[in-house]
Amino acid sequence: MNTATNVRRAFRIALTLWLTAIATVFFAQDEPAEDVFTHSSRELAFQIPAGFELVGQDRRYLNQEAHEVPRFQRIWRHGFDMVMINVVVVPDAAWQQKTPKQIFADGMSGMLSDPTLKIVSQRSYELDDCAAESVTCFYQGGDGTSQRMDCFLARPNMFIVAYVSSKPSSWDDPASKVFFQSVSLKPKK
């Protein structure tokens, strides 16, 4: 090989490494810092049912362009059943403009606005002195899914736990029942 070819090859390698470094920095900025999710006075505790394996987790912003509303999601799967845990950090501005009841109602309204969603039951309750809502529902279309989703508001976080299945009325599955019985919001020490 001649010197010009070696110089071009070295330049391409250097350019590739430089672009990779820039992409890494750019995409890291699109992901909220891990410590953003640790500011609540409550910690979500739960037990994943036997046989479920962690298949995915990610941190992102629900409003990606503005880097607002951080969300951390983890998903465990066993066959066609999934357990999903989401922690959404409600922005300070929302807490200054609305009551916790309004914030919770807005969050639930947004989650339940999908036109393919058919709500089977919905009930409000408290979990460890925090507002909570339990929803059993079906997503129609495609293969369809049934799920139970419980949401809890503990400033600054909204915690969302769900058991999702392709089976009808999965909320009656023993694994689903065991999972939801294990859910609590423990005060941080």
N, C-alpha and C. Protein backbone atom coordinates (compact mmCIF):
# COMPACT_ATOMS: atom_id res chain seq x y z
N MET A 1 0.84 -1.18 0.00
CA MET A 1 0.00 0.00 0.00
C MET A 1 0.88 1.24 0.00
N ASN A 2 0.37 2.26 -0.66
CA ASN A 2 1.15 3.49 -0.69
C ASN A 2 0.79 4.39 0.50
N THR A 3 1.55 5.43 0.66
CA THR A 3 1.39 6.34 1.80
C THR A 3 0.04 7.03 1.77
N ALA A 4 -0.44 7.42 0.60
CA ALA A 4 -1.73 8.11 0.50
C ALA A 4 -2.86 7.20 0.98
N THR A 5 -2.82 5.91 0.63
CA THR A 5 -3.85 4.97 1.06
C THR A 5 -3.81 4.81 2.57
N ASN A 6 -2.64 4.71 3.14
CA ASN A 6 -2.51 4.58 4.60
C ASN A 6 -3.02 5.83 5.32
N VAL A 7 -2.76 6.99 4.75
CA VAL A 7 -3.23 8.24 5.35
C VAL A 7 -4.76 8.29 5.31
N ARG A 8 -5.36 7.92 4.17
CA ARG A 8 -6.82 7.90 4.05
C ARG A 8 -7.42 6.91 5.04
N ARG A 9 -6.84 5.72 5.16
CA ARG A 9 -7.34 4.71 6.09
C ARG A 9 -7.23 5.22 7.53
N ALA A 10 -6.14 5.81 7.90
CA ALA A 10 -5.95 6.35 9.25
C ALA A 10 -6.96 7.48 9.52
N PHE A 11 -7.19 8.31 8.48
CA PHE A 11 -8.15 9.39 8.62
C PHE A 11 -9.56 8.83 8.84
N ARG A 12 -9.95 7.80 8.07
CA ARG A 12 -11.28 7.18 8.23
C ARG A 12 -11.43 6.58 9.62
N ILE A 13 -10.41 5.91 10.12
CA ILE A 13 -10.47 5.32 11.46
C ILE A 13 -10.62 6.42 12.50
N ALA A 14 -9.82 7.48 12.37
CA ALA A 14 -9.90 8.59 13.32
C ALA A 14 -11.27 9.26 13.26
N LEU A 15 -11.80 9.46 12.05
CA LEU A 15 -13.11 10.07 11.88
C LEU A 15 -14.19 9.18 12.50
N THR A 16 -14.13 7.88 12.28
CA THR A 16 -15.09 6.95 12.85
C THR A 16 -15.05 6.99 14.37
N LEU A 17 -13.86 6.98 14.95
CA LEU A 17 -13.74 7.05 16.41
C LEU A 17 -14.28 8.37 16.95
N TRP A 18 -14.00 9.47 16.25
CA TRP A 18 -14.47 10.77 16.68
C TRP A 18 -16.00 10.83 16.62
N LEU A 19 -16.59 10.36 15.51
CA LEU A 19 -18.05 10.35 15.38
C LEU A 19 -18.70 9.46 16.42
N THR A 20 -18.07 8.32 16.72
CA THR A 20 -18.58 7.42 17.76
C THR A 20 -18.56 8.12 19.11
N ALA A 21 -17.50 8.82 19.41
CA ALA A 21 -17.40 9.54 20.69
C ALA A 21 -18.47 10.62 20.78
N ILE A 22 -18.68 11.36 19.70
CA ILE A 22 -19.70 12.41 19.70
C ILE A 22 -21.09 11.79 19.84
N ALA A 23 -21.36 10.71 19.13
CA ALA A 23 -22.67 10.05 19.22
C ALA A 23 -22.91 9.55 20.64
N THR A 24 -21.88 9.01 21.28
CA THR A 24 -22.02 8.51 22.65
C THR A 24 -22.39 9.65 23.59
N VAL A 25 -21.73 10.79 23.46
CA VAL A 25 -22.04 11.95 24.30
C VAL A 25 -23.44 12.45 23.99
N PHE A 26 -23.79 12.55 22.71
CA PHE A 26 -25.10 13.06 22.31
C PHE A 26 -26.21 12.17 22.85
N PHE A 27 -26.10 10.85 22.66
CA PHE A 27 -27.16 9.95 23.10
C PHE A 27 -27.20 9.84 24.61
N ALA A 28 -26.08 9.99 25.29
CA ALA A 28 -26.09 9.97 26.75
C ALA A 28 -26.88 11.16 27.29
N GLN A 29 -26.84 12.29 26.59
CA GLN A 29 -27.61 13.46 27.01
C GLN A 29 -29.10 13.24 26.80
N ASP A 30 -29.49 12.35 25.92
CA ASP A 30 -30.89 12.06 25.68
C ASP A 30 -31.46 11.11 26.72
N GLU A 31 -30.64 10.70 27.66
CA GLU A 31 -31.06 9.76 28.69
C GLU A 31 -30.93 10.45 30.04
N PRO A 32 -31.99 10.45 30.86
CA PRO A 32 -31.87 11.10 32.17
C PRO A 32 -30.84 10.38 33.04
N ALA A 33 -30.22 11.14 33.90
CA ALA A 33 -29.25 10.56 34.84
C ALA A 33 -29.97 9.60 35.78
N GLU A 34 -29.30 8.56 36.18
CA GLU A 34 -29.90 7.54 37.04
C GLU A 34 -30.37 8.12 38.38
N ASP A 35 -29.65 9.09 38.92
CA ASP A 35 -30.00 9.61 40.24
C ASP A 35 -31.27 10.46 40.22
N VAL A 36 -31.78 10.84 39.05
CA VAL A 36 -33.03 11.60 38.94
C VAL A 36 -34.19 10.81 39.55
N PHE A 37 -34.08 9.49 39.53
CA PHE A 37 -35.18 8.64 39.97
C PHE A 37 -35.10 8.29 41.46
N THR A 38 -34.17 8.88 42.18
CA THR A 38 -33.97 8.51 43.58
C THR A 38 -34.38 9.60 44.56
N HIS A 39 -35.09 10.63 44.11
CA HIS A 39 -35.41 11.77 44.97
C HIS A 39 -36.72 11.63 45.74
N SER A 40 -37.45 10.58 45.55
CA SER A 40 -38.70 10.38 46.28
C SER A 40 -38.42 9.98 47.72
N SER A 41 -39.33 10.34 48.59
CA SER A 41 -39.21 9.91 49.99
C SER A 41 -39.68 8.46 50.15
N ARG A 42 -40.20 7.91 49.07
CA ARG A 42 -40.70 6.52 49.07
C ARG A 42 -39.93 5.69 48.07
N GLU A 43 -39.81 4.43 48.38
CA GLU A 43 -39.16 3.47 47.48
C GLU A 43 -40.16 2.39 47.12
N LEU A 44 -40.30 2.13 45.84
CA LEU A 44 -41.20 1.08 45.38
C LEU A 44 -40.57 -0.27 45.65
N ALA A 45 -41.28 -1.12 46.39
CA ALA A 45 -40.80 -2.48 46.67
C ALA A 45 -41.76 -3.47 46.00
N PHE A 46 -41.22 -4.54 45.45
CA PHE A 46 -42.04 -5.54 44.77
C PHE A 46 -41.24 -6.83 44.64
N GLN A 47 -41.94 -7.92 44.38
CA GLN A 47 -41.31 -9.21 44.16
C GLN A 47 -41.73 -9.72 42.79
N ILE A 48 -40.78 -9.94 41.91
CA ILE A 48 -41.07 -10.46 40.57
C ILE A 48 -41.41 -11.95 40.70
N PRO A 49 -42.50 -12.40 40.07
CA PRO A 49 -42.88 -13.81 40.17
C PRO A 49 -41.79 -14.75 39.64
N ALA A 50 -41.76 -15.95 40.18
CA ALA A 50 -40.78 -16.96 39.75
C ALA A 50 -40.93 -17.22 38.26
N GLY A 51 -39.82 -17.43 37.59
CA GLY A 51 -39.82 -17.74 36.17
C GLY A 51 -39.73 -16.53 35.26
N PHE A 52 -39.93 -15.32 35.78
CA PHE A 52 -39.83 -14.11 34.97
C PHE A 52 -38.38 -13.66 34.91
N GLU A 53 -37.95 -13.24 33.73
CA GLU A 53 -36.57 -12.79 33.54
C GLU A 53 -36.57 -11.36 33.01
N LEU A 54 -35.63 -10.55 33.52
CA LEU A 54 -35.48 -9.18 33.06
C LEU A 54 -35.08 -9.20 31.59
N VAL A 55 -35.89 -8.55 30.74
CA VAL A 55 -35.61 -8.55 29.30
C VAL A 55 -35.33 -7.15 28.76
N GLY A 56 -35.55 -6.14 29.58
CA GLY A 56 -35.27 -4.80 29.09
C GLY A 56 -35.40 -3.76 30.16
N GLN A 57 -34.61 -2.71 30.00
CA GLN A 57 -34.74 -1.53 30.85
C GLN A 57 -34.17 -0.34 30.11
N ASP A 58 -34.79 0.81 30.32
CA ASP A 58 -34.25 2.01 29.72
C ASP A 58 -34.70 3.25 30.49
N ARG A 59 -33.91 4.28 30.35
CA ARG A 59 -34.23 5.59 30.91
C ARG A 59 -34.38 6.52 29.71
N ARG A 60 -35.45 7.29 29.72
CA ARG A 60 -35.66 8.26 28.65
C ARG A 60 -36.57 9.37 29.14
N TYR A 61 -36.73 10.37 28.31
CA TYR A 61 -37.65 11.46 28.60
C TYR A 61 -38.94 11.21 27.83
N LEU A 62 -40.08 11.41 28.50
CA LEU A 62 -41.35 11.28 27.80
C LEU A 62 -41.53 12.43 26.81
N ASN A 63 -40.99 13.60 27.15
CA ASN A 63 -40.95 14.73 26.23
C ASN A 63 -39.50 14.87 25.80
N GLN A 64 -39.11 14.08 24.81
CA GLN A 64 -37.71 13.95 24.39
C GLN A 64 -37.08 15.27 23.95
N GLU A 65 -37.81 16.07 23.17
CA GLU A 65 -37.24 17.30 22.62
C GLU A 65 -36.84 18.28 23.72
N ALA A 66 -37.65 18.38 24.75
CA ALA A 66 -37.40 19.35 25.81
C ALA A 66 -36.65 18.74 27.00
N HIS A 67 -36.33 17.46 26.93
CA HIS A 67 -35.68 16.75 28.04
C HIS A 67 -36.49 16.92 29.33
N GLU A 68 -37.80 16.70 29.21
CA GLU A 68 -38.70 16.82 30.35
C GLU A 68 -39.33 15.47 30.65
N VAL A 69 -39.74 15.29 31.85
CA VAL A 69 -40.45 14.12 32.36
C VAL A 69 -39.63 12.84 32.17
N PRO A 70 -38.64 12.65 33.03
CA PRO A 70 -37.84 11.43 32.99
C PRO A 70 -38.68 10.20 33.34
N ARG A 71 -38.39 9.09 32.63
CA ARG A 71 -39.07 7.82 32.89
C ARG A 71 -38.05 6.70 32.87
N PHE A 72 -38.15 5.83 33.87
CA PHE A 72 -37.29 4.64 33.95
C PHE A 72 -38.21 3.44 33.89
N GLN A 73 -37.97 2.55 32.92
CA GLN A 73 -38.83 1.38 32.72
C GLN A 73 -38.01 0.11 32.77
N ARG A 74 -38.56 -0.90 33.45
CA ARG A 74 -37.97 -2.24 33.45
C ARG A 74 -39.08 -3.23 33.09
N ILE A 75 -38.69 -4.27 32.32
CA ILE A 75 -39.66 -5.27 31.86
C ILE A 75 -39.11 -6.66 32.12
N TRP A 76 -39.93 -7.49 32.75
CA TRP A 76 -39.63 -8.90 32.96
C TRP A 76 -40.63 -9.71 32.15
N ARG A 77 -40.18 -10.84 31.60
CA ARG A 77 -41.05 -11.66 30.75
C ARG A 77 -40.97 -13.12 31.16
N HIS A 78 -42.13 -13.78 31.05
CA HIS A 78 -42.23 -15.24 31.20
C HIS A 78 -43.24 -15.69 30.16
N GLY A 79 -42.78 -16.34 29.09
CA GLY A 79 -43.68 -16.70 28.01
C GLY A 79 -44.26 -15.45 27.38
N PHE A 80 -45.60 -15.37 27.35
CA PHE A 80 -46.26 -14.20 26.77
C PHE A 80 -46.72 -13.21 27.84
N ASP A 81 -46.34 -13.45 29.10
CA ASP A 81 -46.71 -12.55 30.19
C ASP A 81 -45.53 -11.64 30.52
N MET A 82 -45.86 -10.41 30.91
CA MET A 82 -44.83 -9.43 31.27
C MET A 82 -45.20 -8.71 32.56
N VAL A 83 -44.17 -8.34 33.30
CA VAL A 83 -44.32 -7.42 34.41
C VAL A 83 -43.55 -6.17 34.00
N MET A 84 -44.21 -5.02 34.11
CA MET A 84 -43.58 -3.75 33.74
C MET A 84 -43.60 -2.82 34.94
N ILE A 85 -42.45 -2.20 35.20
CA ILE A 85 -42.33 -1.22 36.28
C ILE A 85 -41.85 0.08 35.65
N ASN A 86 -42.57 1.16 35.89
CA ASN A 86 -42.20 2.48 35.40
C ASN A 86 -42.13 3.45 36.57
N VAL A 87 -41.10 4.28 36.55
CA VAL A 87 -41.00 5.39 37.49
C VAL A 87 -40.94 6.64 36.64
N VAL A 88 -41.94 7.51 36.81
CA VAL A 88 -42.02 8.77 36.07
C VAL A 88 -41.80 9.91 37.06
N VAL A 89 -40.87 10.79 36.75
CA VAL A 89 -40.59 11.93 37.62
C VAL A 89 -41.43 13.11 37.14
N VAL A 90 -42.38 13.50 37.97
CA VAL A 90 -43.25 14.62 37.64
C VAL A 90 -42.45 15.91 37.84
N PRO A 91 -42.40 16.79 36.84
CA PRO A 91 -41.60 18.02 36.93
C PRO A 91 -42.03 18.92 38.09
N ASP A 92 -41.07 19.65 38.64
CA ASP A 92 -41.35 20.58 39.75
C ASP A 92 -42.45 21.57 39.38
N ALA A 93 -42.45 22.03 38.14
CA ALA A 93 -43.45 23.02 37.71
C ALA A 93 -44.87 22.49 37.91
N ALA A 94 -45.09 21.22 37.65
CA ALA A 94 -46.42 20.64 37.84
C ALA A 94 -46.82 20.67 39.30
N TRP A 95 -45.87 20.38 40.19
CA TRP A 95 -46.16 20.39 41.62
C TRP A 95 -46.47 21.80 42.12
N GLN A 96 -45.91 22.81 41.46
CA GLN A 96 -46.16 24.19 41.86
C GLN A 96 -47.49 24.71 41.33
N GLN A 97 -47.97 24.13 40.22
CA GLN A 97 -49.18 24.64 39.57
C GLN A 97 -50.43 23.84 39.92
N LYS A 98 -50.26 22.60 40.37
CA LYS A 98 -51.42 21.73 40.59
C LYS A 98 -51.32 21.03 41.93
N THR A 99 -52.48 20.57 42.39
CA THR A 99 -52.50 19.77 43.61
C THR A 99 -52.08 18.34 43.26
N PRO A 100 -51.62 17.56 44.24
CA PRO A 100 -51.30 16.16 43.96
C PRO A 100 -52.49 15.41 43.34
N LYS A 101 -53.69 15.72 43.78
CA LYS A 101 -54.88 15.07 43.21
C LYS A 101 -55.01 15.38 41.72
N GLN A 102 -54.78 16.64 41.33
CA GLN A 102 -54.85 17.03 39.92
C GLN A 102 -53.74 16.36 39.11
N ILE A 103 -52.54 16.32 39.66
CA ILE A 103 -51.41 15.67 38.97
C ILE A 103 -51.72 14.21 38.72
N PHE A 104 -52.24 13.55 39.75
CA PHE A 104 -52.57 12.13 39.63
C PHE A 104 -53.68 11.92 38.59
N ALA A 105 -54.72 12.75 38.64
CA ALA A 105 -55.82 12.63 37.67
C ALA A 105 -55.32 12.86 36.25
N ASP A 106 -54.45 13.86 36.04
CA ASP A 106 -53.90 14.12 34.71
C ASP A 106 -53.07 12.93 34.21
N GLY A 107 -52.24 12.37 35.09
CA GLY A 107 -51.43 11.21 34.71
C GLY A 107 -52.28 10.02 34.32
N MET A 108 -53.30 9.75 35.11
CA MET A 108 -54.19 8.62 34.81
C MET A 108 -54.95 8.87 33.51
N SER A 109 -55.43 10.08 33.32
CA SER A 109 -56.16 10.42 32.10
C SER A 109 -55.29 10.20 30.87
N GLY A 110 -54.04 10.62 30.95
CA GLY A 110 -53.12 10.42 29.82
C GLY A 110 -52.88 8.96 29.52
N MET A 111 -52.71 8.15 30.57
CA MET A 111 -52.45 6.72 30.36
C MET A 111 -53.67 5.98 29.84
N LEU A 112 -54.86 6.45 30.18
CA LEU A 112 -56.08 5.73 29.80
C LEU A 112 -56.75 6.31 28.57
N SER A 113 -56.07 7.20 27.85
CA SER A 113 -56.68 7.88 26.70
C SER A 113 -56.57 7.10 25.39
N ASP A 114 -55.85 6.00 25.38
CA ASP A 114 -55.67 5.21 24.15
C ASP A 114 -57.04 4.70 23.69
N PRO A 115 -57.44 4.98 22.43
CA PRO A 115 -58.76 4.56 21.95
C PRO A 115 -58.92 3.03 21.84
N THR A 116 -57.82 2.29 21.82
CA THR A 116 -57.93 0.82 21.75
C THR A 116 -58.07 0.18 23.12
N LEU A 117 -58.06 1.01 24.16
CA LEU A 117 -58.14 0.52 25.53
C LEU A 117 -59.59 0.39 25.98
N LYS A 118 -59.92 -0.76 26.52
CA LYS A 118 -61.26 -0.98 27.08
C LYS A 118 -61.09 -1.24 28.57
N ILE A 119 -61.58 -0.33 29.39
CA ILE A 119 -61.45 -0.46 30.84
C ILE A 119 -62.51 -1.43 31.35
N VAL A 120 -62.06 -2.42 32.12
CA VAL A 120 -62.96 -3.39 32.73
C VAL A 120 -63.35 -2.92 34.13
N SER A 121 -62.37 -2.47 34.90
CA SER A 121 -62.65 -1.94 36.23
C SER A 121 -61.59 -0.92 36.60
N GLN A 122 -61.99 -0.04 37.50
CA GLN A 122 -61.07 1.00 37.95
C GLN A 122 -61.47 1.35 39.39
N ARG A 123 -60.47 1.37 40.28
CA ARG A 123 -60.77 1.73 41.66
C ARG A 123 -59.63 2.55 42.25
N SER A 124 -60.02 3.48 43.10
CA SER A 124 -59.04 4.31 43.81
C SER A 124 -58.84 3.73 45.20
N TYR A 125 -57.62 3.84 45.70
CA TYR A 125 -57.31 3.40 47.05
C TYR A 125 -56.04 4.10 47.51
N GLU A 126 -55.58 3.79 48.69
CA GLU A 126 -54.31 4.32 49.19
C GLU A 126 -53.36 3.17 49.43
N LEU A 127 -52.10 3.39 49.11
CA LEU A 127 -51.05 2.41 49.39
C LEU A 127 -50.00 3.12 50.23
N ASP A 128 -49.86 2.68 51.46
CA ASP A 128 -48.87 3.28 52.37
C ASP A 128 -48.99 4.80 52.39
N ASP A 129 -50.21 5.31 52.55
CA ASP A 129 -50.52 6.74 52.65
C ASP A 129 -50.30 7.51 51.35
N CYS A 130 -50.26 6.84 50.22
CA CYS A 130 -50.10 7.50 48.92
C CYS A 130 -51.32 7.21 48.05
N ALA A 131 -51.71 8.19 47.25
CA ALA A 131 -52.82 8.00 46.31
C ALA A 131 -52.49 6.85 45.37
N ALA A 132 -53.49 6.00 45.11
CA ALA A 132 -53.28 4.84 44.24
C ALA A 132 -54.53 4.61 43.40
N GLU A 133 -54.31 4.01 42.24
CA GLU A 133 -55.39 3.67 41.32
C GLU A 133 -55.08 2.33 40.70
N SER A 134 -56.07 1.45 40.66
CA SER A 134 -55.91 0.14 40.02
C SER A 134 -56.87 0.04 38.84
N VAL A 135 -56.34 -0.38 37.70
CA VAL A 135 -57.14 -0.48 36.48
C VAL A 135 -56.93 -1.86 35.88
N THR A 136 -58.02 -2.54 35.57
CA THR A 136 -57.93 -3.76 34.76
C THR A 136 -58.52 -3.40 33.41
N CYS A 137 -57.87 -3.85 32.34
CA CYS A 137 -58.26 -3.41 31.01
C CYS A 137 -57.81 -4.39 29.93
N PHE A 138 -58.32 -4.16 28.73
CA PHE A 138 -57.94 -4.89 27.53
C PHE A 138 -57.47 -3.88 26.50
N TYR A 139 -56.45 -4.25 25.73
CA TYR A 139 -56.10 -3.50 24.53
C TYR A 139 -56.66 -4.29 23.37
N GLN A 140 -57.53 -3.66 22.60
CA GLN A 140 -58.16 -4.34 21.47
C GLN A 140 -57.31 -4.17 20.23
N GLY A 141 -57.51 -5.06 19.26
CA GLY A 141 -56.76 -4.97 18.03
C GLY A 141 -55.53 -5.86 18.08
N GLY A 142 -55.02 -6.22 16.92
CA GLY A 142 -53.85 -7.11 16.86
C GLY A 142 -54.15 -8.38 17.64
N ASP A 143 -53.20 -8.82 18.44
CA ASP A 143 -53.42 -9.99 19.28
C ASP A 143 -54.18 -9.63 20.54
N GLY A 144 -54.19 -8.35 20.90
CA GLY A 144 -54.87 -7.91 22.11
C GLY A 144 -54.13 -8.36 23.35
N THR A 145 -54.30 -7.63 24.41
CA THR A 145 -53.70 -8.01 25.69
C THR A 145 -54.65 -7.62 26.80
N SER A 146 -54.51 -8.32 27.91
CA SER A 146 -55.21 -7.90 29.12
C SER A 146 -54.15 -7.45 30.10
N GLN A 147 -54.52 -6.57 30.99
CA GLN A 147 -53.54 -6.15 31.97
C GLN A 147 -54.21 -5.58 33.20
N ARG A 148 -53.45 -5.64 34.27
CA ARG A 148 -53.78 -4.88 35.47
C ARG A 148 -52.65 -3.89 35.63
N MET A 149 -53.02 -2.65 35.90
CA MET A 149 -52.04 -1.59 36.07
C MET A 149 -52.40 -0.84 37.35
N ASP A 150 -51.43 -0.69 38.24
CA ASP A 150 -51.63 0.10 39.45
C ASP A 150 -50.66 1.26 39.42
N CYS A 151 -51.13 2.44 39.81
CA CYS A 151 -50.33 3.65 39.80
C CYS A 151 -50.35 4.27 41.18
N PHE A 152 -49.21 4.84 41.58
CA PHE A 152 -49.06 5.44 42.90
C PHE A 152 -48.33 6.77 42.74
N LEU A 153 -48.76 7.76 43.49
CA LEU A 153 -48.12 9.07 43.43
C LEU A 153 -47.44 9.35 44.77
N ALA A 154 -46.12 9.52 44.73
CA ALA A 154 -45.32 9.87 45.90
C ALA A 154 -44.30 10.89 45.43
N ARG A 155 -44.55 12.13 45.74
CA ARG A 155 -43.73 13.23 45.22
C ARG A 155 -42.24 12.91 45.26
N PRO A 156 -41.54 13.12 44.17
CA PRO A 156 -41.95 13.69 42.88
C PRO A 156 -42.33 12.63 41.84
N ASN A 157 -42.48 11.37 42.27
CA ASN A 157 -42.65 10.28 41.31
C ASN A 157 -44.07 9.77 41.19
N MET A 158 -44.37 9.30 39.99
CA MET A 158 -45.54 8.47 39.78
C MET A 158 -44.99 7.09 39.44
N PHE A 159 -45.36 6.10 40.25
CA PHE A 159 -44.93 4.73 40.05
C PHE A 159 -46.05 3.98 39.33
N ILE A 160 -45.71 3.23 38.30
CA ILE A 160 -46.70 2.46 37.53
C ILE A 160 -46.21 1.02 37.46
N VAL A 161 -47.02 0.11 37.96
CA VAL A 161 -46.68 -1.31 37.90
C VAL A 161 -47.78 -2.00 37.10
N ALA A 162 -47.40 -2.92 36.24
CA ALA A 162 -48.39 -3.57 35.39
C ALA A 162 -48.04 -5.03 35.16
N TYR A 163 -49.08 -5.83 35.06
CA TYR A 163 -48.96 -7.23 34.65
C TYR A 163 -49.73 -7.32 33.34
N VAL A 164 -49.04 -7.68 32.27
CA VAL A 164 -49.61 -7.69 30.92
C VAL A 164 -49.55 -9.11 30.37
N SER A 165 -50.63 -9.54 29.70
CA SER A 165 -50.68 -10.89 29.17
C SER A 165 -51.52 -10.94 27.90
N SER A 166 -51.25 -11.95 27.08
CA SER A 166 -52.09 -12.17 25.91
C SER A 166 -53.33 -12.98 26.29
N LYS A 167 -53.37 -13.50 27.52
CA LYS A 167 -54.53 -14.26 27.99
C LYS A 167 -55.64 -13.30 28.44
N PRO A 168 -56.89 -13.71 28.26
CA PRO A 168 -57.98 -12.87 28.79
C PRO A 168 -57.95 -12.90 30.32
N SER A 169 -58.32 -11.80 30.90
CA SER A 169 -58.38 -11.62 32.36
C SER A 169 -57.16 -12.15 33.09
N SER A 170 -55.99 -11.68 32.67
CA SER A 170 -54.74 -12.10 33.28
C SER A 170 -54.63 -11.67 34.74
N TRP A 171 -55.44 -10.69 35.15
CA TRP A 171 -55.39 -10.23 36.53
C TRP A 171 -55.81 -11.33 37.51
N ASP A 172 -56.41 -12.41 37.00
CA ASP A 172 -56.76 -13.55 37.86
C ASP A 172 -55.66 -14.60 37.92
N ASP A 173 -54.60 -14.45 37.12
CA ASP A 173 -53.49 -15.41 37.14
C ASP A 173 -52.83 -15.40 38.52
N PRO A 174 -52.43 -16.56 39.01
CA PRO A 174 -51.73 -16.61 40.30
C PRO A 174 -50.48 -15.72 40.32
N ALA A 175 -49.70 -15.70 39.23
CA ALA A 175 -48.49 -14.88 39.20
C ALA A 175 -48.83 -13.40 39.33
N SER A 176 -49.91 -12.96 38.69
CA SER A 176 -50.34 -11.57 38.78
C SER A 176 -50.76 -11.24 40.21
N LYS A 177 -51.53 -12.11 40.82
CA LYS A 177 -51.99 -11.87 42.19
C LYS A 177 -50.81 -11.79 43.16
N VAL A 178 -49.86 -12.72 43.03
CA VAL A 178 -48.69 -12.72 43.92
C VAL A 178 -47.89 -11.43 43.71
N PHE A 179 -47.72 -11.04 42.47
CA PHE A 179 -46.97 -9.82 42.19
C PHE A 179 -47.61 -8.61 42.86
N PHE A 180 -48.91 -8.39 42.65
CA PHE A 180 -49.56 -7.21 43.21
C PHE A 180 -49.64 -7.25 44.74
N GLN A 181 -49.71 -8.42 45.31
CA GLN A 181 -49.69 -8.52 46.78
C GLN A 181 -48.33 -8.11 47.35
N SER A 182 -47.28 -8.19 46.55
CA SER A 182 -45.94 -7.86 47.04
C SER A 182 -45.61 -6.37 46.92
N VAL A 183 -46.41 -5.61 46.20
CA VAL A 183 -46.10 -4.21 45.92
C VAL A 183 -46.35 -3.34 47.15
N SER A 184 -45.36 -2.50 47.48
CA SER A 184 -45.53 -1.53 48.56
C SER A 184 -44.64 -0.31 48.29
N LEU A 185 -44.92 0.75 49.00
CA LEU A 185 -44.12 1.98 48.95
C LEU A 185 -43.50 2.19 50.31
N LYS A 186 -42.26 1.83 50.44
CA LYS A 186 -41.55 1.89 51.72
C LYS A 186 -40.94 3.28 51.89
N PRO A 187 -41.06 3.86 53.09
CA PRO A 187 -40.32 5.12 53.33
C PRO A 187 -38.82 4.87 53.23
N LYS A 188 -38.12 5.81 52.59
CA LYS A 188 -36.66 5.69 52.51
C LYS A 188 -36.05 6.04 53.84
N LYS A 189 -34.97 5.38 54.16
CA LYS A 189 -34.31 5.63 55.44
C LYS A 189 -33.16 6.57 55.27
